[in-house]
Amino acid sequence: MSTAETQERRTPGLVPVTETMRTAERRPSSAPGSSEPAAPPVRLASAFWRLLGSELGLTFRRPRNQVMLAVLASVPVLIGIALRIASADEAVGGLIGAVAGNSLMLTFASFSFLVLLLMPIAVSVVGGDSIAGEAGAGTLRYLLAAPAGRTRLLVVKYLNAVVFGYAITVVVALSALVTGLILFPVGPVTLLSGSTISVAEGLLRILLTVGYVGAGMAALAAVAVALSTFTEVSIGAIAATMVLIIVTQVLRAIPQLEAITPYLLPSWWTKFDAVLRSPVDFAGLGQGLLVFGAYILLFGSIAWARFSGKDITS
């Protein structure tokens, strides 16, 4: 190894180079005329997964994110206790009666309450901090000095936000399920259509709900990451995403603007109630997933176009 190369690899801030690809992995895999097959694609894939694993570790070890997970886990417990107290009254009906009649319904009730604001806020924090946070901390240019490349780094940041979105979805579901099993009876689940299903089928429908709600959070993550590429202040990207959520919620509540409701992302977050019908409204779920996919494609393209040509100054 030459002196210049040694100095370069010891330069402060270039740690990501050693984390994503070893020196040997950047050399040609075989000499000219050699019959040995090239291995860079496999090694690049390995470097990608190492980078993603490192990013996930940082995200889930961050105290701020751990607090958000704890808060989201506690909300179903509070909802369950409140509904348990309310169900002590005679002649209860509606949501209270449904939850009081079966423990599994607390999971759907918790998602109905959390999916419109608290869960999106958690995803907005992680997604909005993805690129802007690195730029604000002055580490973005050092990450890009690694052979990961801009596109690969952007994909890692987005997948990190998606995994966190699914993590909070699973945490809410597990917290609501455990709380429901403790506070309410277990038995056949009465659906919105009036028919009943077994506990096993109810658990399967909860699993479908987790997948659908997680996909909705993945669509929001694409919006947050895209906004994160336009600023070097993470709080700006986070606030912009939250404001966007609140504005769309207000627009949904205005009857005169009903025509634009199908194009607003929050309009589809609560469509998981399709699993509470008999049979399951897979057409409604599929339409929601198509909307989520369209948002991911649109804002993912915006993020890539902005980030791939952006001048990195910090």
C-alpha atoms as a PDB file:
ATOM      1  CA  MET A   1       0.000   0.000   0.000  1.00  0.00           C
ATOM      2  CA  SER A   2       1.467   3.391  -0.955  1.00  0.00           C
ATOM      3  CA  THR A   3       1.975   6.255   1.475  1.00  0.00           C
ATOM      4  CA  ALA A   4      -0.660   8.382  -0.282  1.00  0.00           C
ATOM      5  CA  GLU A   5      -3.217   5.610  -0.049  1.00  0.00           C
ATOM      6  CA  THR A   6      -2.422   5.071   3.638  1.00  0.00           C
ATOM      7  CA  GLN A   7      -2.916   8.772   4.360  1.00  0.00           C
ATOM      8  CA  GLU A   8      -6.180   8.833   2.428  1.00  0.00           C
ATOM      9  CA  ARG A   9      -7.611   5.891   4.334  1.00  0.00           C
ATOM     10  CA  ARG A  10      -6.591   7.466   7.631  1.00  0.00           C
ATOM     11  CA  THR A  11      -8.228  10.794   6.869  1.00  0.00           C
ATOM     12  CA  PRO A  12     -10.850  11.624   9.519  1.00  0.00           C
ATOM     13  CA  GLY A  13     -14.397  11.138   8.288  1.00  0.00           C
ATOM     14  CA  LEU A  14     -13.623   8.447   5.734  1.00  0.00           C
ATOM     15  CA  VAL A  15     -14.627   5.633   8.050  1.00  0.00           C
ATOM     16  CA  PRO A  16     -17.613   4.761   5.818  1.00  0.00           C
ATOM     17  CA  VAL A  17     -15.147   3.620   3.154  1.00  0.00           C
ATOM     18  CA  THR A  18     -13.924   0.781   5.355  1.00  0.00           C
ATOM     19  CA  GLU A  19     -17.469   0.015   6.475  1.00  0.00           C
ATOM     20  CA  THR A  20     -18.878  -0.426   3.001  1.00  0.00           C
ATOM     21  CA  MET A  21     -16.043  -1.946   1.016  1.00  0.00           C
ATOM     22  CA  ARG A  22     -12.594  -3.271   1.875  1.00  0.00           C
ATOM     23  CA  THR A  23      -9.565  -2.229  -0.153  1.00  0.00           C
ATOM     24  CA  ALA A  24      -9.315  -5.675  -1.673  1.00  0.00           C
ATOM     25  CA  GLU A  25     -12.900  -5.460  -2.865  1.00  0.00           C
ATOM     26  CA  ARG A  26     -12.121  -2.355  -4.901  1.00  0.00           C
ATOM     27  CA  ARG A  27      -9.279  -3.980  -6.799  1.00  0.00           C
ATOM     28  CA  PRO A  28      -9.900  -5.893 -10.011  1.00  0.00           C
ATOM     29  CA  SER A  29     -10.986  -9.391  -9.168  1.00  0.00           C
ATOM     30  CA  SER A  30      -8.703 -10.978 -11.707  1.00  0.00           C
ATOM     31  CA  ALA A  31      -5.694 -10.128 -13.798  1.00  0.00           C
ATOM     32  CA  PRO A  32      -6.032  -9.505 -17.563  1.00  0.00           C
ATOM     33  CA  GLY A  33      -6.444 -12.783 -19.386  1.00  0.00           C
ATOM     34  CA  SER A  34      -7.344 -14.669 -16.248  1.00  0.00           C
ATOM     35  CA  SER A  35     -10.259 -17.098 -16.393  1.00  0.00           C
ATOM     36  CA  GLU A  36     -11.268 -16.427 -12.780  1.00  0.00           C
ATOM     37  CA  PRO A  37     -14.854 -15.032 -12.687  1.00  0.00           C
ATOM     38  CA  ALA A  38     -15.337 -11.487 -11.429  1.00  0.00           C
ATOM     39  CA  ALA A  39     -16.985 -11.082  -8.015  1.00  0.00           C
ATOM     40  CA  PRO A  40     -17.665  -7.333  -7.570  1.00  0.00           C
ATOM     41  CA  PRO A  41     -21.501  -7.632  -7.841  1.00  0.00           C
ATOM     42  CA  VAL A  42     -21.603 -10.085  -4.936  1.00  0.00           C
ATOM     43  CA  ARG A  43     -19.246  -7.993  -2.877  1.00  0.00           C
ATOM     44  CA  LEU A  44     -21.141  -4.810  -3.650  1.00  0.00           C
ATOM     45  CA  ALA A  45     -24.345  -6.513  -2.523  1.00  0.00           C
ATOM     46  CA  SER A  46     -22.606  -7.558   0.684  1.00  0.00           C
ATOM     47  CA  ALA A  47     -21.471  -3.971   1.234  1.00  0.00           C
ATOM     48  CA  PHE A  48     -25.039  -2.759   0.643  1.00  0.00           C
ATOM     49  CA  TRP A  49     -26.461  -5.065   3.309  1.00  0.00           C
ATOM     50  CA  ARG A  50     -23.718  -4.114   5.759  1.00  0.00           C
ATOM     51  CA  LEU A  51     -24.508  -0.454   5.217  1.00  0.00           C
ATOM     52  CA  LEU A  52     -28.228  -1.089   5.677  1.00  0.00           C
ATOM     53  CA  GLY A  53     -27.595  -3.095   8.829  1.00  0.00           C
ATOM     54  CA  SER A  54     -25.445  -0.300  10.229  1.00  0.00           C
ATOM     55  CA  GLU A  55     -28.147   2.251   9.420  1.00  0.00           C
ATOM     56  CA  LEU A  56     -30.859   0.154  11.078  1.00  0.00           C
ATOM     57  CA  GLY A  57     -28.692  -0.286  14.158  1.00  0.00           C
ATOM     58  CA  LEU A  58     -28.211   3.463  14.479  1.00  0.00           C
ATOM     59  CA  THR A  59     -31.936   4.094  14.002  1.00  0.00           C
ATOM     60  CA  PHE A  60     -33.174   1.609  16.577  1.00  0.00           C
ATOM     61  CA  ARG A  61     -30.487   2.544  19.123  1.00  0.00           C
ATOM     62  CA  ARG A  62     -31.330   6.230  18.967  1.00  0.00           C
ATOM     63  CA  PRO A  63     -33.107   7.249  22.205  1.00  0.00           C
ATOM     64  CA  ARG A  64     -35.566   9.480  20.344  1.00  0.00           C
ATOM     65  CA  ASN A  65     -36.793   6.593  18.231  1.00  0.00           C
ATOM     66  CA  GLN A  66     -36.962   4.254  21.221  1.00  0.00           C
ATOM     67  CA  VAL A  67     -39.160   6.781  23.021  1.00  0.00           C
ATOM     68  CA  MET A  68     -41.489   6.964  20.017  1.00  0.00           C
ATOM     69  CA  LEU A  69     -41.774   3.171  19.958  1.00  0.00           C
ATOM     70  CA  ALA A  70     -42.530   3.144  23.682  1.00  0.00           C
ATOM     71  CA  VAL A  71     -45.206   5.827  23.328  1.00  0.00           C
ATOM     72  CA  LEU A  72     -46.882   4.011  20.450  1.00  0.00           C
ATOM     73  CA  ALA A  73     -46.814   0.770  22.439  1.00  0.00           C
ATOM     74  CA  SER A  74     -48.451   2.456  25.426  1.00  0.00           C
ATOM     75  CA  VAL A  75     -51.358   4.005  23.519  1.00  0.00           C
ATOM     76  CA  PRO A  76     -53.198   0.687  22.861  1.00  0.00           C
ATOM     77  CA  VAL A  77     -52.856  -0.088  26.577  1.00  0.00           C
ATOM     78  CA  LEU A  78     -54.475   3.226  27.482  1.00  0.00           C
ATOM     79  CA  ILE A  79     -57.203   2.709  24.890  1.00  0.00           C
ATOM     80  CA  GLY A  80     -57.870  -0.775  26.221  1.00  0.00           C
ATOM     81  CA  ILE A  81     -58.123   0.424  29.822  1.00  0.00           C
ATOM     82  CA  ALA A  82     -60.446   3.282  28.828  1.00  0.00           C
ATOM     83  CA  LEU A  83     -62.697   0.949  26.842  1.00  0.00           C
ATOM     84  CA  ARG A  84     -62.682  -1.557  29.689  1.00  0.00           C
ATOM     85  CA  ILE A  85     -63.925   1.112  32.096  1.00  0.00           C
ATOM     86  CA  ALA A  86     -66.502   2.349  29.593  1.00  0.00           C
ATOM     87  CA  SER A  87     -67.752  -1.179  28.892  1.00  0.00           C
ATOM     88  CA  ALA A  88     -68.741  -1.520  32.553  1.00  0.00           C
ATOM     89  CA  ASP A  89     -71.795   0.587  31.751  1.00  0.00           C
ATOM     90  CA  GLU A  90     -74.886  -1.213  30.577  1.00  0.00           C
ATOM     91  CA  ALA A  91     -76.144  -1.192  26.988  1.00  0.00           C
ATOM     92  CA  VAL A  92     -72.874  -0.158  25.331  1.00  0.00           C
ATOM     93  CA  GLY A  93     -72.607  -0.395  21.591  1.00  0.00           C
ATOM     94  CA  GLY A  94     -70.532   0.701  18.647  1.00  0.00           C
ATOM     95  CA  LEU A  95     -66.758   0.496  19.004  1.00  0.00           C
ATOM     96  CA  ILE A  96     -66.884   0.018  22.770  1.00  0.00           C
ATOM     97  CA  GLY A  97     -69.296  -2.860  22.444  1.00  0.00           C
ATOM     98  CA  ALA A  98     -67.261  -4.470  19.663  1.00  0.00           C
ATOM     99  CA  VAL A  99     -64.011  -4.343  21.643  1.00  0.00           C
ATOM    100  CA  ALA A 100     -65.681  -5.420  24.862  1.00  0.00           C
ATOM    101  CA  GLY A 101     -67.126  -8.422  23.042  1.00  0.00           C
ATOM    102  CA  ASN A 102     -63.793  -9.669  21.680  1.00  0.00           C
ATOM    103  CA  SER A 103     -60.152  -8.947  22.482  1.00  0.00           C
ATOM    104  CA  LEU A 104     -58.958  -8.984  18.861  1.00  0.00           C
ATOM    105  CA  MET A 105     -61.045  -5.927  18.013  1.00  0.00           C
ATOM    106  CA  LEU A 106     -58.778  -3.758  20.163  1.00  0.00           C
ATOM    107  CA  THR A 107     -56.076  -4.108  17.501  1.00  0.00           C
ATOM    108  CA  PHE A 108     -58.312  -2.665  14.790  1.00  0.00           C
ATOM    109  CA  ALA A 109     -59.527   0.070  17.156  1.00  0.00           C
ATOM    110  CA  SER A 110     -55.925   1.028  17.983  1.00  0.00           C
ATOM    111  CA  PHE A 111     -54.947   1.255  14.321  1.00  0.00           C
ATOM    112  CA  SER A 112     -58.009   3.413  13.618  1.00  0.00           C
ATOM    113  CA  PHE A 113     -56.845   5.832  16.304  1.00  0.00           C
ATOM    114  CA  LEU A 114     -53.101   5.867  15.621  1.00  0.00           C
ATOM    115  CA  VAL A 115     -52.771   5.533  11.858  1.00  0.00           C
ATOM    116  CA  LEU A 116     -53.999   9.043  11.101  1.00  0.00           C
ATOM    117  CA  LEU A 117     -51.505  11.025  13.182  1.00  0.00           C
ATOM    118  CA  LEU A 118     -49.172   9.424  15.750  1.00  0.00           C
ATOM    119  CA  MET A 119     -47.789   6.676  13.518  1.00  0.00           C
ATOM    120  CA  PRO A 120     -47.221   9.091  10.587  1.00  0.00           C
ATOM    121  CA  ILE A 121     -45.377  11.471  12.929  1.00  0.00           C
ATOM    122  CA  ALA A 122     -42.943   8.699  13.923  1.00  0.00           C
ATOM    123  CA  VAL A 123     -42.281   7.813  10.285  1.00  0.00           C
ATOM    124  CA  SER A 124     -41.889  11.495   9.392  1.00  0.00           C
ATOM    125  CA  VAL A 125     -39.179  11.926  12.015  1.00  0.00           C
ATOM    126  CA  VAL A 126     -37.072   9.042  10.698  1.00  0.00           C
ATOM    127  CA  GLY A 127     -37.699   9.735   7.012  1.00  0.00           C
ATOM    128  CA  GLY A 128     -37.228  13.492   7.287  1.00  0.00           C
ATOM    129  CA  ASP A 129     -33.964  13.039   9.161  1.00  0.00           C
ATOM    130  CA  SER A 130     -32.576  10.534   6.646  1.00  0.00           C
ATOM    131  CA  ILE A 131     -30.672  12.828   4.246  1.00  0.00           C
ATOM    132  CA  ALA A 132     -31.075  16.233   5.868  1.00  0.00           C
ATOM    133  CA  GLY A 133     -29.774  14.901   9.178  1.00  0.00           C
ATOM    134  CA  GLU A 134     -26.550  13.686   7.569  1.00  0.00           C
ATOM    135  CA  ALA A 135     -26.141  16.995   5.726  1.00  0.00           C
ATOM    136  CA  GLY A 136     -26.751  19.019   8.881  1.00  0.00           C
ATOM    137  CA  ALA A 137     -24.250  16.938  10.855  1.00  0.00           C
ATOM    138  CA  GLY A 138     -21.636  17.347   8.121  1.00  0.00           C
ATOM    139  CA  THR A 139     -21.329  13.594   7.470  1.00  0.00           C
ATOM    140  CA  LEU A 140     -23.117  13.335   4.137  1.00  0.00           C
ATOM    141  CA  ARG A 141     -20.105  14.073   1.944  1.00  0.00           C
ATOM    142  CA  TYR A 142     -18.045  11.507   3.844  1.00  0.00           C
ATOM    143  CA  LEU A 143     -20.724   8.870   3.299  1.00  0.00           C
ATOM    144  CA  LEU A 144     -20.680   9.707  -0.396  1.00  0.00           C
ATOM    145  CA  ALA A 145     -16.889   9.357  -0.403  1.00  0.00           C
ATOM    146  CA  ALA A 146     -17.500   5.654   0.118  1.00  0.00           C
ATOM    147  CA  PRO A 147     -18.086   3.508  -2.962  1.00  0.00           C
ATOM    148  CA  ALA A 148     -21.753   3.122  -2.013  1.00  0.00           C
ATOM    149  CA  GLY A 149     -22.823   5.832  -4.447  1.00  0.00           C
ATOM    150  CA  ARG A 150     -25.709   8.257  -4.201  1.00  0.00           C
ATOM    151  CA  THR A 151     -28.416   5.959  -5.483  1.00  0.00           C
ATOM    152  CA  ARG A 152     -27.417   3.132  -3.171  1.00  0.00           C
ATOM    153  CA  LEU A 153     -27.218   5.471  -0.183  1.00  0.00           C
ATOM    154  CA  LEU A 154     -30.659   6.876  -0.991  1.00  0.00           C
ATOM    155  CA  VAL A 155     -32.105   3.359  -1.219  1.00  0.00           C
ATOM    156  CA  VAL A 156     -30.545   2.448   2.132  1.00  0.00           C
ATOM    157  CA  LYS A 157     -32.006   5.535   3.775  1.00  0.00           C
ATOM    158  CA  TYR A 158     -35.445   4.806   2.354  1.00  0.00           C
ATOM    159  CA  LEU A 159     -35.403   1.126   3.325  1.00  0.00           C
ATOM    160  CA  ASN A 160     -34.348   2.149   6.823  1.00  0.00           C
ATOM    161  CA  ALA A 161     -37.451   4.363   7.100  1.00  0.00           C
ATOM    162  CA  VAL A 162     -39.637   1.568   5.681  1.00  0.00           C
ATOM    163  CA  VAL A 163     -38.348  -0.953   8.231  1.00  0.00           C
ATOM    164  CA  PHE A 164     -39.003   1.532  11.018  1.00  0.00           C
ATOM    165  CA  GLY A 165     -42.522   2.090   9.684  1.00  0.00           C
ATOM    166  CA  TYR A 166     -43.234  -1.629   9.762  1.00  0.00           C
ATOM    167  CA  ALA A 167     -41.628  -1.850  13.221  1.00  0.00           C
ATOM    168  CA  ILE A 168     -44.024   0.676  14.725  1.00  0.00           C
ATOM    169  CA  THR A 169     -46.931  -1.100  12.998  1.00  0.00           C
ATOM    170  CA  VAL A 170     -45.941  -4.426  14.542  1.00  0.00           C
ATOM    171  CA  VAL A 171     -45.393  -2.805  17.953  1.00  0.00           C
ATOM    172  CA  VAL A 172     -48.891  -1.295  17.916  1.00  0.00           C
ATOM    173  CA  ALA A 173     -50.447  -4.605  16.821  1.00  0.00           C
ATOM    174  CA  LEU A 174     -48.636  -6.668  19.467  1.00  0.00           C
ATOM    175  CA  SER A 175     -49.362  -4.168  22.235  1.00  0.00           C
ATOM    176  CA  ALA A 176     -53.065  -4.056  21.322  1.00  0.00           C
ATOM    177  CA  LEU A 177     -53.267  -7.829  20.977  1.00  0.00           C
ATOM    178  CA  VAL A 178     -51.674  -8.545  24.361  1.00  0.00           C
ATOM    179  CA  THR A 179     -53.735  -5.848  26.069  1.00  0.00           C
ATOM    180  CA  GLY A 180     -56.921  -7.154  24.481  1.00  0.00           C
ATOM    181  CA  LEU A 181     -56.205 -10.717  25.585  1.00  0.00           C
ATOM    182  CA  ILE A 182     -55.719  -9.512  29.161  1.00  0.00           C
ATOM    183  CA  LEU A 183     -58.703  -7.171  29.428  1.00  0.00           C
ATOM    184  CA  PHE A 184     -61.361  -8.689  27.160  1.00  0.00           C
ATOM    185  CA  PRO A 185     -62.762 -12.146  26.386  1.00  0.00           C
ATOM    186  CA  VAL A 186     -61.431 -14.302  23.557  1.00  0.00           C
ATOM    187  CA  GLY A 187     -63.802 -15.896  21.090  1.00  0.00           C
ATOM    188  CA  PRO A 188     -65.307 -15.662  17.610  1.00  0.00           C
ATOM    189  CA  VAL A 189     -64.912 -12.197  16.070  1.00  0.00           C
ATOM    190  CA  THR A 190     -68.008 -10.353  14.841  1.00  0.00           C
ATOM    191  CA  LEU A 191     -67.240  -8.460  11.633  1.00  0.00           C
ATOM    192  CA  LEU A 192     -68.760  -5.234  10.304  1.00  0.00           C
ATOM    193  CA  SER A 193     -70.968  -7.311   8.038  1.00  0.00           C
ATOM    194  CA  GLY A 194     -72.446  -9.076  11.063  1.00  0.00           C
ATOM    195  CA  SER A 195     -70.925 -12.493  10.366  1.00  0.00           C
ATOM    196  CA  THR A 196     -68.474 -14.158  12.734  1.00  0.00           C
ATOM    197  CA  ILE A 197     -65.070 -15.718  12.165  1.00  0.00           C
ATOM    198  CA  SER A 198     -62.806 -17.895  14.288  1.00  0.00           C
ATOM    199  CA  VAL A 199     -59.965 -16.577  16.432  1.00  0.00           C
ATOM    200  CA  ALA A 200     -57.404 -18.075  14.033  1.00  0.00           C
ATOM    201  CA  GLU A 201     -58.955 -16.264  11.068  1.00  0.00           C
ATOM    202  CA  GLY A 202     -59.116 -13.097  13.147  1.00  0.00           C
ATOM    203  CA  LEU A 203     -55.376 -13.326  13.763  1.00  0.00           C
ATOM    204  CA  LEU A 204     -54.802 -13.816  10.045  1.00  0.00           C
ATOM    205  CA  ARG A 205     -56.797 -10.668   9.320  1.00  0.00           C
ATOM    206  CA  ILE A 206     -54.714  -8.769  11.849  1.00  0.00           C
ATOM    207  CA  LEU A 207     -51.648  -9.922   9.917  1.00  0.00           C
ATOM    208  CA  LEU A 208     -53.187  -8.582   6.696  1.00  0.00           C
ATOM    209  CA  THR A 209     -53.862  -5.290   8.460  1.00  0.00           C
ATOM    210  CA  VAL A 210     -50.249  -5.032   9.600  1.00  0.00           C
ATOM    211  CA  GLY A 211     -49.047  -5.568   6.038  1.00  0.00           C
ATOM    212  CA  TYR A 212     -51.441  -2.976   4.623  1.00  0.00           C
ATOM    213  CA  VAL A 213     -50.813  -0.291   7.254  1.00  0.00           C
ATOM    214  CA  GLY A 214     -47.048  -0.861   6.956  1.00  0.00           C
ATOM    215  CA  ALA A 215     -47.311  -0.281   3.196  1.00  0.00           C
ATOM    216  CA  GLY A 216     -49.103   2.999   3.909  1.00  0.00           C
ATOM    217  CA  MET A 217     -46.271   4.059   6.202  1.00  0.00           C
ATOM    218  CA  ALA A 218     -43.774   3.080   3.469  1.00  0.00           C
ATOM    219  CA  ALA A 219     -45.537   5.463   1.090  1.00  0.00           C
ATOM    220  CA  LEU A 220     -45.272   8.245   3.670  1.00  0.00           C
ATOM    221  CA  ALA A 221     -41.580   7.404   4.146  1.00  0.00           C
ATOM    222  CA  ALA A 222     -41.017   8.080   0.438  1.00  0.00           C
ATOM    223  CA  VAL A 223     -42.578  11.534   0.858  1.00  0.00           C
ATOM    224  CA  ALA A 224     -40.448  12.289   3.924  1.00  0.00           C
ATOM    225  CA  VAL A 225     -37.199  11.139   2.287  1.00  0.00           C
ATOM    226  CA  ALA A 226     -37.968  13.207  -0.816  1.00  0.00           C
ATOM    227  CA  LEU A 227     -38.506  16.324   1.292  1.00  0.00           C
ATOM    228  CA  SER A 228     -35.317  15.510   3.192  1.00  0.00           C
ATOM    229  CA  THR A 229     -33.266  15.886   0.004  1.00  0.00           C
ATOM    230  CA  PHE A 230     -34.329  19.532  -0.379  1.00  0.00           C
ATOM    231  CA  THR A 231     -32.853  20.831   2.865  1.00  0.00           C
ATOM    232  CA  GLU A 232     -29.860  20.487   5.157  1.00  0.00           C
ATOM    233  CA  VAL A 233     -31.960  21.031   8.292  1.00  0.00           C
ATOM    234  CA  SER A 234     -33.666  17.856   9.398  1.00  0.00           C
ATOM    235  CA  ILE A 235     -36.310  19.644  11.471  1.00  0.00           C
ATOM    236  CA  GLY A 236     -37.380  21.440   8.311  1.00  0.00           C
ATOM    237  CA  ALA A 237     -38.006  18.192   6.437  1.00  0.00           C
ATOM    238  CA  ILE A 238     -39.753  16.654   9.456  1.00  0.00           C
ATOM    239  CA  ALA A 239     -41.963  19.712   9.942  1.00  0.00           C
ATOM    240  CA  ALA A 240     -42.792  19.884   6.229  1.00  0.00           C
ATOM    241  CA  THR A 241     -43.922  16.254   6.248  1.00  0.00           C
ATOM    242  CA  MET A 242     -46.050  16.765   9.354  1.00  0.00           C
ATOM    243  CA  VAL A 243     -47.634  19.912   7.910  1.00  0.00           C
ATOM    244  CA  LEU A 244     -48.414  17.999   4.733  1.00  0.00           C
ATOM    245  CA  ILE A 245     -50.147  15.294   6.780  1.00  0.00           C
ATOM    246  CA  ILE A 246     -52.208  17.824   8.733  1.00  0.00           C
ATOM    247  CA  VAL A 247     -53.181  19.788   5.626  1.00  0.00           C
ATOM    248  CA  THR A 248     -54.353  16.673   3.808  1.00  0.00           C
ATOM    249  CA  GLN A 249     -56.361  15.655   6.882  1.00  0.00           C
ATOM    250  CA  VAL A 250     -58.068  19.063   6.855  1.00  0.00           C
ATOM    251  CA  LEU A 251     -58.771  18.809   3.126  1.00  0.00           C
ATOM    252  CA  ARG A 252     -60.406  15.420   3.662  1.00  0.00           C
ATOM    253  CA  ALA A 253     -62.777  16.969   6.173  1.00  0.00           C
ATOM    254  CA  ILE A 254     -64.103  19.595   3.717  1.00  0.00           C
ATOM    255  CA  PRO A 255     -67.150  18.202   1.845  1.00  0.00           C
ATOM    256  CA  GLN A 256     -66.671  20.571  -1.087  1.00  0.00           C
ATOM    257  CA  LEU A 257     -63.259  19.007  -1.782  1.00  0.00           C
ATOM    258  CA  GLU A 258     -64.521  15.451  -1.881  1.00  0.00           C
ATOM    259  CA  ALA A 259     -63.368  15.127  -5.498  1.00  0.00           C
ATOM    260  CA  ILE A 260     -59.679  15.238  -4.507  1.00  0.00           C
ATOM    261  CA  THR A 261     -60.043  12.889  -1.540  1.00  0.00           C
ATOM    262  CA  PRO A 262     -59.041   9.723  -3.485  1.00  0.00           C
ATOM    263  CA  TYR A 263     -55.716  11.369  -4.361  1.00  0.00           C
ATOM    264  CA  LEU A 264     -54.775  12.149  -0.759  1.00  0.00           C
ATOM    265  CA  LEU A 265     -52.544   9.585   0.936  1.00  0.00           C
ATOM    266  CA  PRO A 266     -54.263   9.624   4.369  1.00  0.00           C
ATOM    267  CA  SER A 267     -57.565   8.729   2.704  1.00  0.00           C
ATOM    268  CA  TRP A 268     -56.245   5.205   2.178  1.00  0.00           C
ATOM    269  CA  TRP A 269     -54.630   4.568   5.542  1.00  0.00           C
ATOM    270  CA  THR A 270     -57.918   3.578   7.163  1.00  0.00           C
ATOM    271  CA  LYS A 271     -59.033   1.322   4.317  1.00  0.00           C
ATOM    272  CA  PHE A 272     -57.707  -1.650   6.265  1.00  0.00           C
ATOM    273  CA  ASP A 273     -61.294  -1.989   7.494  1.00  0.00           C
ATOM    274  CA  ALA A 274     -61.735  -4.098   4.358  1.00  0.00           C
ATOM    275  CA  VAL A 275     -60.471  -7.041   6.431  1.00  0.00           C
ATOM    276  CA  LEU A 276     -63.484  -6.642   8.734  1.00  0.00           C
ATOM    277  CA  ARG A 277     -65.889  -7.598   5.985  1.00  0.00           C
ATOM    278  CA  SER A 278     -66.978 -11.022   4.844  1.00  0.00           C
ATOM    279  CA  PRO A 279     -65.456 -11.923   2.533  1.00  0.00           C
ATOM    280  CA  VAL A 280     -62.362  -9.726   2.765  1.00  0.00           C
ATOM    281  CA  ASP A 281     -62.562  -6.827   0.319  1.00  0.00           C
ATOM    282  CA  PHE A 282     -59.312  -7.625  -1.472  1.00  0.00           C
ATOM    283  CA  ALA A 283     -60.247  -5.253  -4.297  1.00  0.00           C
ATOM    284  CA  GLY A 284     -60.292  -2.331  -1.847  1.00  0.00           C
ATOM    285  CA  LEU A 285     -56.988  -3.420  -0.309  1.00  0.00           C
ATOM    286  CA  GLY A 286     -55.454  -3.812  -3.754  1.00  0.00           C
ATOM    287  CA  GLN A 287     -56.555  -0.329  -4.789  1.00  0.00           C
ATOM    288  CA  GLY A 288     -54.996   1.098  -1.644  1.00  0.00           C
ATOM    289  CA  LEU A 289     -51.733  -0.732  -2.326  1.00  0.00           C
ATOM    290  CA  LEU A 290     -51.712   0.672  -5.874  1.00  0.00           C
ATOM    291  CA  VAL A 291     -52.043   4.191  -4.454  1.00  0.00           C
ATOM    292  CA  PHE A 292     -49.204   3.523  -2.019  1.00  0.00           C
ATOM    293  CA  GLY A 293     -47.079   2.196  -4.874  1.00  0.00           C
ATOM    294  CA  ALA A 294     -47.814   5.285  -6.969  1.00  0.00           C
ATOM    295  CA  TYR A 295     -46.721   7.559  -4.110  1.00  0.00           C
ATOM    296  CA  ILE A 296     -43.540   5.545  -3.616  1.00  0.00           C
ATOM    297  CA  LEU A 297     -42.719   5.708  -7.329  1.00  0.00           C
ATOM    298  CA  LEU A 298     -43.491   9.426  -7.628  1.00  0.00           C
ATOM    299  CA  PHE A 299     -41.684  10.683  -4.553  1.00  0.00           C
ATOM    300  CA  GLY A 300     -38.908   8.132  -4.935  1.00  0.00           C
ATOM    301  CA  SER A 301     -38.242   9.561  -8.397  1.00  0.00           C
ATOM    302  CA  ILE A 302     -38.298  13.101  -7.005  1.00  0.00           C
ATOM    303  CA  ALA A 303     -35.843  12.127  -4.277  1.00  0.00           C
ATOM    304  CA  TRP A 304     -33.500  10.443  -6.760  1.00  0.00           C
ATOM    305  CA  ALA A 305     -33.638  13.338  -9.244  1.00  0.00           C
ATOM    306  CA  ARG A 306     -32.886  15.850  -6.505  1.00  0.00           C
ATOM    307  CA  PHE A 307     -30.236  13.858  -4.663  1.00  0.00           C
ATOM    308  CA  SER A 308     -28.361  12.563  -7.720  1.00  0.00           C
ATOM    309  CA  GLY A 309     -27.691  16.095  -8.992  1.00  0.00           C
ATOM    310  CA  LYS A 310     -27.398  17.888  -5.658  1.00  0.00           C
ATOM    311  CA  ASP A 311     -24.193  19.726  -4.751  1.00  0.00           C
ATOM    312  CA  ILE A 312     -23.005  18.388  -1.404  1.00  0.00           C
ATOM    313  CA  THR A 313     -21.500  21.218   0.631  1.00  0.00           C
ATOM    314  CA  SER A 314     -21.614  19.710   4.098  1.00  0.00           C
END
